[in-house]
C-alpha atoms as a PDB file:
ATOM      1  CA  UNK A   1     -50.643 135.193 157.970  1.00  0.00           C
ATOM      2  CA  UNK A   2     -50.105 132.521 155.316  1.00  0.00           C
ATOM      3  CA  UNK A   3     -53.524 133.189 153.762  1.00  0.00           C
ATOM      4  CA  UNK A   4     -52.756 136.906 153.596  1.00  0.00           C
ATOM      5  CA  UNK A   5     -49.460 136.236 151.790  1.00  0.00           C
ATOM      6  CA  UNK A   6     -51.157 133.939 149.254  1.00  0.00           C
ATOM      7  CA  UNK A   7     -53.816 136.592 148.622  1.00  0.00           C
ATOM      8  CA  UNK A   8     -51.121 139.261 147.987  1.00  0.00           C
ATOM      9  CA  UNK A   9     -49.278 136.957 145.541  1.00  0.00           C
ATOM     10  CA  UNK A  10     -52.554 136.304 143.734  1.00  0.00           C
ATOM     11  CA  UNK A  11     -53.294 140.011 143.407  1.00  0.00           C
ATOM     12  CA  UNK A  12     -49.778 140.694 142.041  1.00  0.00           C
ATOM     13  CA  UNK A  13     -50.116 137.868 139.478  1.00  0.00           C
ATOM     14  CA  UNK A  14     -53.502 139.159 138.317  1.00  0.00           C
ATOM     15  CA  UNK A  15     -52.092 142.673 138.000  1.00  0.00           C
ATOM     16  CA  UNK A  16     -49.111 141.552 135.948  1.00  0.00           C
ATOM     17  CA  UNK A  17     -51.106 139.198 133.731  1.00  0.00           C
ATOM     18  CA  UNK A  18     -53.713 141.851 132.912  1.00  0.00           C
ATOM     19  CA  UNK A  19     -51.188 144.669 132.377  1.00  0.00           C
ATOM     20  CA  UNK A  20     -50.432 146.349 129.071  1.00  0.00           C
ATOM     21  CA  UNK A  21     -47.754 144.625 126.990  1.00  0.00           C
ATOM     22  CA  UNK A  22     -45.319 146.485 124.798  1.00  0.00           C
ATOM     23  CA  UNK A  23     -42.767 143.990 123.506  1.00  0.00           C
ATOM     24  CA  UNK A  24     -44.574 143.316 120.206  1.00  0.00           C
ATOM     25  CA  UNK A  25     -45.259 146.963 119.269  1.00  0.00           C
ATOM     26  CA  UNK A  26     -42.350 148.740 117.559  1.00  0.00           C
ATOM     27  CA  UNK A  27     -42.304 152.550 117.601  1.00  0.00           C
ATOM     28  CA  UNK A  28     -39.721 155.328 117.826  1.00  0.00           C
ATOM     29  CA  UNK A  29     -39.336 156.433 121.414  1.00  0.00           C
ATOM     30  CA  UNK A  30     -38.761 160.128 120.591  1.00  0.00           C
ATOM     31  CA  UNK A  31     -39.045 162.358 117.534  1.00  0.00           C
ATOM     32  CA  UNK A  32     -38.549 166.089 116.965  1.00  0.00           C
ATOM     33  CA  UNK A  33     -40.107 168.343 114.320  1.00  0.00           C
ATOM     34  CA  UNK A  34     -40.293 172.019 113.452  1.00  0.00           C
ATOM     35  CA  UNK A  35     -43.598 173.869 113.237  1.00  0.00           C
ATOM     36  CA  UNK A  36     -45.109 173.408 109.780  1.00  0.00           C
ATOM     37  CA  UNK A  37     -43.386 170.090 109.094  1.00  0.00           C
ATOM     38  CA  UNK A  38     -45.123 166.730 108.711  1.00  0.00           C
ATOM     39  CA  UNK A  39     -45.082 164.488 111.778  1.00  0.00           C
ATOM     40  CA  UNK A  40     -44.280 160.833 110.947  1.00  0.00           C
ATOM     41  CA  UNK A  41     -45.475 158.453 113.654  1.00  0.00           C
ATOM     42  CA  UNK A  42     -44.396 154.894 112.854  1.00  0.00           C
ATOM     43  CA  UNK A  43     -45.908 151.754 114.346  1.00  0.00           C
ATOM     44  CA  UNK A  44     -45.477 148.061 113.568  1.00  0.00           C
ATOM     45  CA  UNK A  45     -46.744 144.917 115.235  1.00  0.00           C
ATOM     46  CA  UNK A  46     -44.352 141.998 115.310  1.00  0.00           C
ATOM     47  CA  UNK A  47     -46.532 138.875 115.656  1.00  0.00           C
ATOM     48  CA  UNK A  48     -45.599 136.129 118.031  1.00  0.00           C
ATOM     49  CA  UNK A  49     -47.488 132.888 118.574  1.00  0.00           C
ATOM     50  CA  UNK A  50     -51.208 132.859 117.871  1.00  0.00           C
ATOM     51  CA  UNK A  51     -51.974 136.468 118.824  1.00  0.00           C
ATOM     52  CA  UNK A  52     -54.924 137.840 116.856  1.00  0.00           C
ATOM     53  CA  UNK A  53     -55.137 141.586 116.119  1.00  0.00           C
ATOM     54  CA  UNK A  54     -58.639 143.011 116.348  1.00  0.00           C
ATOM     55  CA  UNK A  55     -58.161 146.805 116.259  1.00  0.00           C
ATOM     56  CA  UNK A  56     -55.482 149.503 116.491  1.00  0.00           C
ATOM     57  CA  UNK A  57     -55.860 153.039 117.833  1.00  0.00           C
ATOM     58  CA  UNK A  58     -53.636 156.073 118.119  1.00  0.00           C
ATOM     59  CA  UNK A  59     -54.065 157.957 121.383  1.00  0.00           C
ATOM     60  CA  UNK A  60     -52.706 161.433 122.001  1.00  0.00           C
ATOM     61  CA  UNK A  61     -51.764 162.540 125.531  1.00  0.00           C
ATOM     62  CA  UNK A  62     -51.108 166.235 126.091  1.00  0.00           C
ATOM     63  CA  UNK A  63     -48.334 167.462 128.440  1.00  0.00           C
ATOM     64  CA  UNK A  64     -50.962 168.092 131.110  1.00  0.00           C
ATOM     65  CA  UNK A  65     -52.250 164.498 130.927  1.00  0.00           C
ATOM     66  CA  UNK A  66     -55.425 164.815 128.810  1.00  0.00           C
ATOM     67  CA  UNK A  67     -55.876 161.767 126.572  1.00  0.00           C
ATOM     68  CA  UNK A  68     -58.015 161.100 123.509  1.00  0.00           C
ATOM     69  CA  UNK A  69     -58.225 158.985 120.348  1.00  0.00           C
ATOM     70  CA  UNK A  70     -57.066 160.660 117.134  1.00  0.00           C
ATOM     71  CA  UNK A  71     -57.096 157.716 114.673  1.00  0.00           C
ATOM     72  CA  UNK A  72     -58.621 154.212 114.688  1.00  0.00           C
ATOM     73  CA  UNK A  73     -58.327 151.313 112.251  1.00  0.00           C
ATOM     74  CA  UNK A  74     -60.620 148.253 112.254  1.00  0.00           C
ATOM     75  CA  UNK A  75     -60.336 145.512 109.626  1.00  0.00           C
ATOM     76  CA  UNK A  76     -64.073 145.603 109.018  1.00  0.00           C
ATOM     77  CA  UNK A  77     -65.044 149.196 109.656  1.00  0.00           C
ATOM     78  CA  UNK A  78     -61.767 150.523 108.254  1.00  0.00           C
ATOM     79  CA  UNK A  79     -60.265 153.824 109.389  1.00  0.00           C
ATOM     80  CA  UNK A  80     -61.906 156.597 111.392  1.00  0.00           C
ATOM     81  CA  UNK A  81     -60.740 159.876 112.918  1.00  0.00           C
ATOM     82  CA  UNK A  82     -62.557 161.043 116.068  1.00  0.00           C
ATOM     83  CA  UNK A  83     -62.898 164.734 116.825  1.00  0.00           C
ATOM     84  CA  UNK A  84     -59.534 166.084 117.972  1.00  0.00           C
ATOM     85  CA  UNK A  85     -57.135 168.979 117.477  1.00  0.00           C
ATOM     86  CA  UNK A  86     -55.471 167.104 114.604  1.00  0.00           C
ATOM     87  CA  UNK A  87     -58.608 166.019 112.726  1.00  0.00           C
ATOM     88  CA  UNK A  88     -58.245 167.020 109.100  1.00  0.00           C
ATOM     89  CA  UNK A  89     -54.457 166.867 109.374  1.00  0.00           C
ATOM     90  CA  UNK A  90     -54.005 163.224 110.388  1.00  0.00           C
ATOM     91  CA  UNK A  91     -54.064 160.223 108.051  1.00  0.00           C
ATOM     92  CA  UNK A  92     -52.894 156.606 107.899  1.00  0.00           C
ATOM     93  CA  UNK A  93     -49.888 156.062 105.662  1.00  0.00           C
ATOM     94  CA  UNK A  94     -50.952 152.504 104.827  1.00  0.00           C
ATOM     95  CA  UNK A  95     -54.098 151.444 106.635  1.00  0.00           C
ATOM     96  CA  UNK A  96     -53.441 147.961 107.993  1.00  0.00           C
ATOM     97  CA  UNK A  97     -53.332 146.260 111.347  1.00  0.00           C
ATOM     98  CA  UNK A  98     -49.672 145.271 111.025  1.00  0.00           C
ATOM     99  CA  UNK A  99     -48.317 148.741 110.001  1.00  0.00           C
ATOM    100  CA  UNK A 100     -50.753 151.447 111.132  1.00  0.00           C
ATOM    101  CA  UNK A 101     -48.284 154.336 110.867  1.00  0.00           C
ATOM    102  CA  UNK A 102     -49.828 157.807 110.656  1.00  0.00           C
ATOM    103  CA  UNK A 103     -48.782 161.275 109.500  1.00  0.00           C
ATOM    104  CA  UNK A 104     -49.925 164.630 110.836  1.00  0.00           C
ATOM    105  CA  UNK A 105     -49.513 167.606 108.505  1.00  0.00           C
ATOM    106  CA  UNK A 106     -48.505 171.151 109.485  1.00  0.00           C
ATOM    107  CA  UNK A 107     -47.058 170.450 112.926  1.00  0.00           C
ATOM    108  CA  UNK A 108     -48.032 172.960 115.604  1.00  0.00           C
ATOM    109  CA  UNK A 109     -46.710 173.655 119.075  1.00  0.00           C
ATOM    110  CA  UNK A 110     -49.941 172.283 120.524  1.00  0.00           C
ATOM    111  CA  UNK A 111     -49.253 168.879 118.889  1.00  0.00           C
ATOM    112  CA  UNK A 112     -46.447 168.231 121.366  1.00  0.00           C
ATOM    113  CA  UNK A 113     -47.002 165.310 123.722  1.00  0.00           C
ATOM    114  CA  UNK A 114     -47.166 161.498 123.749  1.00  0.00           C
ATOM    115  CA  UNK A 115     -48.615 159.391 120.935  1.00  0.00           C
ATOM    116  CA  UNK A 116     -49.510 155.797 121.800  1.00  0.00           C
ATOM    117  CA  UNK A 117     -50.076 153.113 119.208  1.00  0.00           C
ATOM    118  CA  UNK A 118     -52.493 150.786 121.041  1.00  0.00           C
ATOM    119  CA  UNK A 119     -53.498 147.328 119.822  1.00  0.00           C
ATOM    120  CA  UNK A 120     -56.507 145.325 120.941  1.00  0.00           C
ATOM    121  CA  UNK A 121     -55.417 141.667 120.651  1.00  0.00           C
ATOM    122  CA  UNK A 122     -56.717 138.253 121.500  1.00  0.00           C
ATOM    123  CA  UNK A 123     -56.064 136.601 123.850  1.00  0.00           C
ATOM    124  CA  UNK A 124     -53.298 138.791 125.345  1.00  0.00           C
ATOM    125  CA  UNK A 125     -55.310 142.036 125.615  1.00  0.00           C
ATOM    126  CA  UNK A 126     -53.860 145.469 124.933  1.00  0.00           C
ATOM    127  CA  UNK A 127     -50.334 145.967 123.610  1.00  0.00           C
ATOM    128  CA  UNK A 128     -48.888 149.458 123.144  1.00  0.00           C
ATOM    129  CA  UNK A 129     -45.918 151.522 122.040  1.00  0.00           C
ATOM    130  CA  UNK A 130     -45.501 155.207 122.857  1.00  0.00           C
ATOM    131  CA  UNK A 131     -43.638 157.954 120.990  1.00  0.00           C
ATOM    132  CA  UNK A 132     -42.843 161.282 122.643  1.00  0.00           C
ATOM    133  CA  UNK A 133     -43.075 164.198 120.211  1.00  0.00           C
ATOM    134  CA  UNK A 134     -41.166 167.443 120.749  1.00  0.00           C
ATOM    135  CA  UNK A 135     -42.030 170.410 118.555  1.00  0.00           C
ATOM    136  CA  UNK A 136     -38.922 172.559 118.250  1.00  0.00           C
ATOM    137  CA  UNK A 137     -39.121 176.337 118.135  1.00  0.00           C
ATOM    138  CA  UNK A 138     -36.511 178.722 116.748  1.00  0.00           C
ATOM    139  CA  UNK A 139     -35.876 181.498 119.226  1.00  0.00           C
ATOM    140  CA  UNK A 140     -36.474 185.152 118.344  1.00  0.00           C
ATOM    141  CA  UNK A 141     -33.085 186.740 119.008  1.00  0.00           C
ATOM    142  CA  UNK A 142     -32.194 190.391 119.586  1.00  0.00           C
ATOM    143  CA  UNK A 143     -29.653 192.624 121.332  1.00  0.00           C
ATOM    144  CA  UNK A 144     -29.507 196.307 122.211  1.00  0.00           C
ATOM    145  CA  UNK A 145     -27.331 198.793 124.143  1.00  0.00           C
ATOM    146  CA  UNK A 146     -28.417 200.506 127.358  1.00  0.00           C
ATOM    147  CA  UNK A 147     -27.578 204.215 127.563  1.00  0.00           C
ATOM    148  CA  UNK A 148     -25.583 204.850 130.754  1.00  0.00           C
ATOM    149  CA  UNK A 149     -23.479 207.595 132.334  1.00  0.00           C
ATOM    150  CA  UNK A 150     -19.783 207.251 132.963  1.00  0.00           C
ATOM    151  CA  UNK A 151     -19.213 206.383 136.606  1.00  0.00           C
ATOM    152  CA  UNK A 152     -17.359 204.267 139.136  1.00  0.00           C
ATOM    153  CA  UNK A 153     -19.848 201.394 139.590  1.00  0.00           C
ATOM    154  CA  UNK A 154     -20.649 198.467 137.304  1.00  0.00           C
ATOM    155  CA  UNK A 155     -23.988 198.840 135.496  1.00  0.00           C
ATOM    156  CA  UNK A 156     -25.862 197.059 132.700  1.00  0.00           C
ATOM    157  CA  UNK A 157     -24.647 198.454 129.365  1.00  0.00           C
ATOM    158  CA  UNK A 158     -26.189 195.917 126.955  1.00  0.00           C
ATOM    159  CA  UNK A 159     -28.947 193.300 126.874  1.00  0.00           C
ATOM    160  CA  UNK A 160     -29.498 190.232 124.711  1.00  0.00           C
ATOM    161  CA  UNK A 161     -32.580 188.003 124.440  1.00  0.00           C
ATOM    162  CA  UNK A 162     -33.410 184.668 122.841  1.00  0.00           C
ATOM    163  CA  UNK A 163     -37.201 184.551 123.164  1.00  0.00           C
ATOM    164  CA  UNK A 164     -39.479 181.506 123.032  1.00  0.00           C
ATOM    165  CA  UNK A 165     -37.014 178.901 121.852  1.00  0.00           C
ATOM    166  CA  UNK A 166     -37.130 175.159 122.254  1.00  0.00           C
ATOM    167  CA  UNK A 167     -34.770 173.841 123.349  1.00  0.00           C
ATOM    168  CA  UNK A 168     -33.493 176.785 125.363  1.00  0.00           C
ATOM    169  CA  UNK A 169     -30.780 178.881 123.716  1.00  0.00           C
ATOM    170  CA  UNK A 170     -27.350 179.638 125.180  1.00  0.00           C
ATOM    171  CA  UNK A 171     -26.084 183.242 125.232  1.00  0.00           C
ATOM    172  CA  UNK A 172     -22.447 184.317 125.458  1.00  0.00           C
ATOM    173  CA  UNK A 173     -20.683 187.655 124.906  1.00  0.00           C
ATOM    174  CA  UNK A 174     -17.539 188.441 122.912  1.00  0.00           C
ATOM    175  CA  UNK A 175     -15.878 191.650 124.064  1.00  0.00           C
ATOM    176  CA  UNK A 176     -12.566 193.388 124.633  1.00  0.00           C
ATOM    177  CA  UNK A 177     -14.202 195.454 127.373  1.00  0.00           C
ATOM    178  CA  UNK A 178     -13.439 194.735 131.009  1.00  0.00           C
ATOM    179  CA  UNK A 179     -16.911 193.487 131.910  1.00  0.00           C
ATOM    180  CA  UNK A 180     -18.911 190.365 132.711  1.00  0.00           C
ATOM    181  CA  UNK A 181     -22.392 188.985 132.094  1.00  0.00           C
ATOM    182  CA  UNK A 182     -25.108 186.825 133.583  1.00  0.00           C
ATOM    183  CA  UNK A 183     -28.055 184.998 131.995  1.00  0.00           C
ATOM    184  CA  UNK A 184     -31.504 183.962 133.231  1.00  0.00           C
ATOM    185  CA  UNK A 185     -34.178 181.746 131.678  1.00  0.00           C
ATOM    186  CA  UNK A 186     -37.963 181.634 131.942  1.00  0.00           C
ATOM    187  CA  UNK A 187     -40.285 178.846 130.790  1.00  0.00           C
ATOM    188  CA  UNK A 188     -43.204 180.205 128.767  1.00  0.00           C
ATOM    189  CA  UNK A 189     -46.788 178.854 128.935  1.00  0.00           C
ATOM    190  CA  UNK A 190     -46.393 177.187 125.530  1.00  0.00           C
ATOM    191  CA  UNK A 191     -43.396 175.135 126.690  1.00  0.00           C
ATOM    192  CA  UNK A 192     -40.757 177.305 125.046  1.00  0.00           C
ATOM    193  CA  UNK A 193     -37.996 179.055 126.992  1.00  0.00           C
ATOM    194  CA  UNK A 194     -36.925 182.706 126.930  1.00  0.00           C
ATOM    195  CA  UNK A 195     -33.286 183.378 127.831  1.00  0.00           C
ATOM    196  CA  UNK A 196     -32.088 186.868 128.758  1.00  0.00           C
ATOM    197  CA  UNK A 197     -28.521 188.045 129.318  1.00  0.00           C
ATOM    198  CA  UNK A 198     -27.081 191.334 130.624  1.00  0.00           C
ATOM    199  CA  UNK A 199     -23.561 192.657 130.095  1.00  0.00           C
ATOM    200  CA  UNK A 200     -22.121 194.799 132.919  1.00  0.00           C
ATOM    201  CA  UNK A 201     -19.061 197.005 133.259  1.00  0.00           C
ATOM    202  CA  UNK A 202     -17.824 200.190 134.929  1.00  0.00           C
ATOM    203  CA  UNK A 203     -18.492 202.669 132.078  1.00  0.00           C
ATOM    204  CA  UNK A 204     -15.840 205.191 131.068  1.00  0.00           C
ATOM    205  CA  UNK A 205     -15.806 207.745 128.229  1.00  0.00           C
ATOM    206  CA  UNK A 206     -13.431 205.424 126.357  1.00  0.00           C
ATOM    207  CA  UNK A 207     -16.183 202.776 126.264  1.00  0.00           C
ATOM    208  CA  UNK A 208     -18.560 204.998 124.279  1.00  0.00           C
ATOM    209  CA  UNK A 209     -18.926 203.506 120.802  1.00  0.00           C
ATOM    210  CA  UNK A 210     -17.046 200.334 121.771  1.00  0.00           C
ATOM    211  CA  UNK A 211     -18.460 197.283 120.001  1.00  0.00           C
ATOM    212  CA  UNK A 212     -19.282 194.066 121.813  1.00  0.00           C
ATOM    213  CA  UNK A 213     -21.172 191.056 120.428  1.00  0.00           C
ATOM    214  CA  UNK A 214     -23.937 188.871 121.811  1.00  0.00           C
ATOM    215  CA  UNK A 215     -23.774 185.313 120.464  1.00  0.00           C
ATOM    216  CA  UNK A 216     -26.829 183.053 120.576  1.00  0.00           C
ATOM    217  CA  UNK A 217     -26.497 179.283 120.146  1.00  0.00           C
ATOM    218  CA  UNK A 218     -29.568 177.096 119.687  1.00  0.00           C
ATOM    219  CA  UNK A 219     -30.069 173.678 118.133  1.00  0.00           C
ATOM    220  CA  UNK A 220     -32.644 174.915 115.631  1.00  0.00           C
ATOM    221  CA  UNK A 221     -30.197 177.337 113.989  1.00  0.00           C
ATOM    222  CA  UNK A 222     -28.551 176.503 110.681  1.00  0.00           C
ATOM    223  CA  UNK A 223     -25.453 174.317 111.103  1.00  0.00           C
ATOM    224  CA  UNK A 224     -25.619 174.926 114.862  1.00  0.00           C
ATOM    225  CA  UNK A 225     -23.487 178.063 114.420  1.00  0.00           C
ATOM    226  CA  UNK A 226     -23.931 180.929 116.900  1.00  0.00           C
ATOM    227  CA  UNK A 227     -25.895 183.913 115.661  1.00  0.00           C
ATOM    228  CA  UNK A 228     -23.951 187.111 116.381  1.00  0.00           C
ATOM    229  CA  UNK A 229     -25.462 190.497 117.253  1.00  0.00           C
ATOM    230  CA  UNK A 230     -22.964 193.406 117.379  1.00  0.00           C
ATOM    231  CA  UNK A 231     -23.827 196.143 119.890  1.00  0.00           C
ATOM    232  CA  UNK A 232     -22.227 199.591 120.134  1.00  0.00           C
ATOM    233  CA  UNK A 233     -22.132 200.843 123.706  1.00  0.00           C
ATOM    234  CA  UNK A 234     -23.585 204.248 124.546  1.00  0.00           C
ATOM    235  CA  UNK A 235     -21.849 205.991 127.448  1.00  0.00           C
ATOM    236  CA  UNK A 236     -22.719 209.594 128.284  1.00  0.00           C
ATOM    237  CA  UNK A 237     -20.265 211.990 129.957  1.00  0.00           C
ATOM    238  CA  UNK A 238     -19.693 215.747 130.420  1.00  0.00           C
ATOM    239  CA  UNK A 239     -17.228 217.568 128.130  1.00  0.00           C
ATOM    240  CA  UNK A 240     -13.454 217.369 128.363  1.00  0.00           C
ATOM    241  CA  UNK A 241     -11.789 220.301 126.578  1.00  0.00           C
ATOM    242  CA  UNK A 242      -8.437 221.103 124.995  1.00  0.00           C
ATOM    243  CA  UNK A 243      -7.190 224.079 122.965  1.00  0.00           C
ATOM    244  CA  UNK A 244      -5.046 223.504 119.896  1.00  0.00           C
ATOM    245  CA  UNK A 245      -3.247 225.730 117.373  1.00  0.00           C
ATOM    246  CA  UNK A 246      -0.743 227.668 119.485  1.00  0.00           C
ATOM    247  CA  UNK A 247       2.846 227.164 118.262  1.00  0.00           C
ATOM    248  CA  UNK A 248       4.517 229.586 120.740  1.00  0.00           C
ATOM    249  CA  UNK A 249       5.554 231.806 117.865  1.00  0.00           C
ATOM    250  CA  UNK A 250       3.000 234.618 118.002  1.00  0.00           C
ATOM    251  CA  UNK A 251       4.923 237.824 117.297  1.00  0.00           C
ATOM    252  CA  UNK A 252       3.726 241.340 116.669  1.00  0.00           C
ATOM    253  CA  UNK A 253       2.312 241.706 113.179  1.00  0.00           C
ATOM    254  CA  UNK A 254       2.021 237.991 112.423  1.00  0.00           C
ATOM    255  CA  UNK A 255      -1.015 237.380 110.211  1.00  0.00           C
ATOM    256  CA  UNK A 256      -3.760 234.754 110.282  1.00  0.00           C
ATOM    257  CA  UNK A 257      -3.280 232.619 113.378  1.00  0.00           C
ATOM    258  CA  UNK A 258      -6.005 230.695 115.155  1.00  0.00           C
ATOM    259  CA  UNK A 259      -6.910 228.625 118.190  1.00  0.00           C
ATOM    260  CA  UNK A 260      -9.307 225.674 118.033  1.00  0.00           C
ATOM    261  CA  UNK A 261     -11.347 224.433 120.978  1.00  0.00           C
ATOM    262  CA  UNK A 262     -11.764 220.651 120.828  1.00  0.00           C
ATOM    263  CA  UNK A 263     -14.398 219.050 123.049  1.00  0.00           C
ATOM    264  CA  UNK A 264     -15.040 215.359 123.706  1.00  0.00           C
ATOM    265  CA  UNK A 265     -18.545 214.833 125.088  1.00  0.00           C
ATOM    266  CA  UNK A 266     -21.654 212.693 124.842  1.00  0.00           C
ATOM    267  CA  UNK A 267     -24.251 213.962 124.232  1.00  0.00           C
ATOM    268  CA  UNK A 268     -22.968 216.516 121.724  1.00  0.00           C
ATOM    269  CA  UNK A 269     -22.202 219.876 123.404  1.00  0.00           C
ATOM    270  CA  UNK A 270     -25.054 222.363 123.321  1.00  0.00           C
ATOM    271  CA  UNK A 271     -22.917 225.450 124.011  1.00  0.00           C
ATOM    272  CA  UNK A 272     -19.343 226.631 123.441  1.00  0.00           C
ATOM    273  CA  UNK A 273     -17.980 230.001 124.489  1.00  0.00           C
ATOM    274  CA  UNK A 274     -14.656 231.876 124.338  1.00  0.00           C
ATOM    275  CA  UNK A 275     -13.591 234.342 127.022  1.00  0.00           C
ATOM    276  CA  UNK A 276     -10.319 235.890 128.196  1.00  0.00           C
ATOM    277  CA  UNK A 277      -8.997 236.075 131.721  1.00  0.00           C
ATOM    278  CA  UNK A 278      -8.607 239.851 131.487  1.00  0.00           C
ATOM    279  CA  UNK A 279     -12.201 240.530 130.433  1.00  0.00           C
ATOM    280  CA  UNK A 280     -13.896 240.472 127.041  1.00  0.00           C
ATOM    281  CA  UNK A 281     -12.505 239.013 123.837  1.00  0.00           C
ATOM    282  CA  UNK A 282     -10.322 241.632 122.030  1.00  0.00           C
ATOM    283  CA  UNK A 283     -11.910 243.381 119.059  1.00  0.00           C
ATOM    284  CA  UNK A 284      -9.087 242.144 116.825  1.00  0.00           C
ATOM    285  CA  UNK A 285     -10.194 238.549 117.450  1.00  0.00           C
ATOM    286  CA  UNK A 286     -12.997 236.891 115.480  1.00  0.00           C
ATOM    287  CA  UNK A 287     -14.865 233.866 116.853  1.00  0.00           C
ATOM    288  CA  UNK A 288     -16.309 231.248 114.473  1.00  0.00           C
ATOM    289  CA  UNK A 289     -17.871 228.464 116.523  1.00  0.00           C
ATOM    290  CA  UNK A 290     -15.016 226.541 118.112  1.00  0.00           C
ATOM    291  CA  UNK A 291     -12.348 228.613 116.285  1.00  0.00           C
ATOM    292  CA  UNK A 292     -10.794 231.826 117.514  1.00  0.00           C
ATOM    293  CA  UNK A 293      -9.183 233.662 114.582  1.00  0.00           C
ATOM    294  CA  UNK A 294      -6.625 236.476 114.801  1.00  0.00           C
ATOM    295  CA  UNK A 295      -6.228 238.391 111.561  1.00  0.00           C
ATOM    296  CA  UNK A 296      -3.119 240.199 112.808  1.00  0.00           C
ATOM    297  CA  UNK A 297      -1.316 239.675 116.107  1.00  0.00           C
ATOM    298  CA  UNK A 298      -1.036 242.720 118.389  1.00  0.00           C
ATOM    299  CA  UNK A 299      -0.618 243.413 122.091  1.00  0.00           C
ATOM    300  CA  UNK A 300      -4.337 242.786 122.794  1.00  0.00           C
ATOM    301  CA  UNK A 301      -3.954 239.030 122.271  1.00  0.00           C
ATOM    302  CA  UNK A 302      -1.142 238.839 124.803  1.00  0.00           C
ATOM    303  CA  UNK A 303      -3.555 237.238 127.271  1.00  0.00           C
ATOM    304  CA  UNK A 304      -5.119 233.992 128.509  1.00  0.00           C
ATOM    305  CA  UNK A 305      -7.935 232.557 126.379  1.00  0.00           C
ATOM    306  CA  UNK A 306     -10.561 230.341 128.001  1.00  0.00           C
ATOM    307  CA  UNK A 307     -12.861 227.917 126.162  1.00  0.00           C
ATOM    308  CA  UNK A 308     -15.880 226.503 128.018  1.00  0.00           C
ATOM    309  CA  UNK A 309     -18.147 223.763 126.664  1.00  0.00           C
ATOM    310  CA  UNK A 310     -21.454 222.538 128.091  1.00  0.00           C
ATOM    311  CA  UNK A 311     -23.853 219.660 127.518  1.00  0.00           C
ATOM    312  CA  UNK A 312     -26.813 218.527 129.620  1.00  0.00           C
ATOM    313  CA  UNK A 313     -24.547 216.535 131.946  1.00  0.00           C
ATOM    314  CA  UNK A 314     -22.219 219.401 132.863  1.00  0.00           C
ATOM    315  CA  UNK A 315     -19.418 221.586 131.564  1.00  0.00           C
ATOM    316  CA  UNK A 316     -15.703 221.500 130.931  1.00  0.00           C
ATOM    317  CA  UNK A 317     -13.158 224.231 130.255  1.00  0.00           C
ATOM    318  CA  UNK A 318      -9.548 224.765 129.351  1.00  0.00           C
ATOM    319  CA  UNK A 319      -7.295 227.800 129.036  1.00  0.00           C
ATOM    320  CA  UNK A 320      -4.213 228.783 127.104  1.00  0.00           C
ATOM    321  CA  UNK A 321      -1.897 231.746 127.660  1.00  0.00           C
ATOM    322  CA  UNK A 322      -0.542 233.457 124.547  1.00  0.00           C
ATOM    323  CA  UNK A 323       2.783 235.308 124.804  1.00  0.00           C
ATOM    324  CA  UNK A 324       3.310 237.921 122.104  1.00  0.00           C
ATOM    325  CA  UNK A 325       6.852 239.146 121.433  1.00  0.00           C
ATOM    326  CA  UNK A 326       8.463 241.700 119.157  1.00  0.00           C
ATOM    327  CA  UNK A 327      10.543 240.296 116.338  1.00  0.00           C
ATOM    328  CA  UNK A 328      13.619 242.305 115.258  1.00  0.00           C
ATOM    329  CA  UNK A 329      12.858 244.181 112.024  1.00  0.00           C
ATOM    330  CA  UNK A 330      14.788 242.697 109.131  1.00  0.00           C
ATOM    331  CA  UNK A 331      16.782 240.540 111.537  1.00  0.00           C
ATOM    332  CA  UNK A 332      16.803 236.883 112.224  1.00  0.00           C
ATOM    333  CA  UNK A 333      13.671 235.007 113.300  1.00  0.00           C
ATOM    334  CA  UNK A 334      12.620 234.560 116.933  1.00  0.00           C
ATOM    335  CA  UNK A 335      14.507 231.353 117.604  1.00  0.00           C
ATOM    336  CA  UNK A 336      17.763 232.666 116.120  1.00  0.00           C
ATOM    337  CA  UNK A 337      17.365 235.953 117.994  1.00  0.00           C
ATOM    338  CA  UNK A 338      17.112 234.118 121.304  1.00  0.00           C
ATOM    339  CA  UNK A 339      20.314 232.176 120.558  1.00  0.00           C
ATOM    340  CA  UNK A 340      22.212 235.356 119.634  1.00  0.00           C
ATOM    341  CA  UNK A 341      21.172 237.022 122.895  1.00  0.00           C
ATOM    342  CA  UNK A 342      22.259 233.942 124.828  1.00  0.00           C
ATOM    343  CA  UNK A 343      25.706 233.682 123.231  1.00  0.00           C
ATOM    344  CA  UNK A 344      26.211 237.466 123.515  1.00  0.00           C
ATOM    345  CA  UNK A 345      25.652 237.217 127.243  1.00  0.00           C
ATOM    346  CA  UNK A 346      28.064 234.305 127.540  1.00  0.00           C
ATOM    347  CA  UNK A 347      30.720 236.227 125.588  1.00  0.00           C
ATOM    348  CA  UNK A 348      30.279 239.268 127.859  1.00  0.00           C
ATOM    349  CA  UNK A 349      30.750 237.183 131.007  1.00  0.00           C
ATOM    350  CA  UNK A 350      33.886 235.530 129.672  1.00  0.00           C
ATOM    351  CA  UNK A 351      35.354 238.907 128.649  1.00  0.00           C
ATOM    352  CA  UNK A 352      35.031 240.157 132.213  1.00  0.00           C
ATOM    353  CA  UNK A 353      37.278 237.330 133.510  1.00  0.00           C
ATOM    354  CA  UNK A 354      39.955 237.744 130.818  1.00  0.00           C
END
């Protein structure tokens, strides 16, 4: 039992004494760059005691664990750059054993990973420092409406996307509409993240044309300000109809009066028609699209006019009853005539009781 314990202590000591040391190698732990920028990888050896430096190498480790030398400096054989994805873009800033910092031009997404500055020393063995490089990516942002029909259930009326960003973007919505939203994210093969968001509400005709805004926030954007994307909602609904233009003062012989059929619909109505409850439209009436024009009022327009409007979602109609009266020739107007009749009747009733 005692021999086994001594053997285990010996193995642990050997492992620790032969392990990689890092206290003398100074590097930045993490750096971030944009695609196209120059990557600055700094390394410095702080000597202690009688340690002798024999060679320094930069080793790249990809996110999936594949390692390989990208730059080597030897005091006798000088600098060399093995075959790698960065060959032709990598160089030593000042080739020396004490400060073997390197630069990599035109940063690419595939450059992301760990970069280890590794020293071969005597007598302590290898000493290293590792920098983790993150290549940022500005997301491709967009937003669009979803055409829906007015109804009683909540549906998706707008979508917003921040595609292939790093770090992942955050999406929010600014709206006066009575809706809500949810967002999902998906990690892409290249390490970026695509974020999608959907805005939902119970669509009504009043929501058609309403403007809401998708706001995307991501660290790569200028000044960290959200990028706003206004969206106009598109809600389809069948026509609602009203008839305007009747002032309740259509008397025999009155000239140039008209009714107008107003329809609210989306999509735009494909058909509008005028009819009368008693049959066909009188010959004295002229129809111009949504207007019904009467050149001169006569008994034939003493009827109920019906306007019907259709689009591909359905139809809507409304009706209006015109009452034509005879105005006293040369006498007072219709309103005054009614008052005179009223007061005449009152006077007659009072006279009977006196």
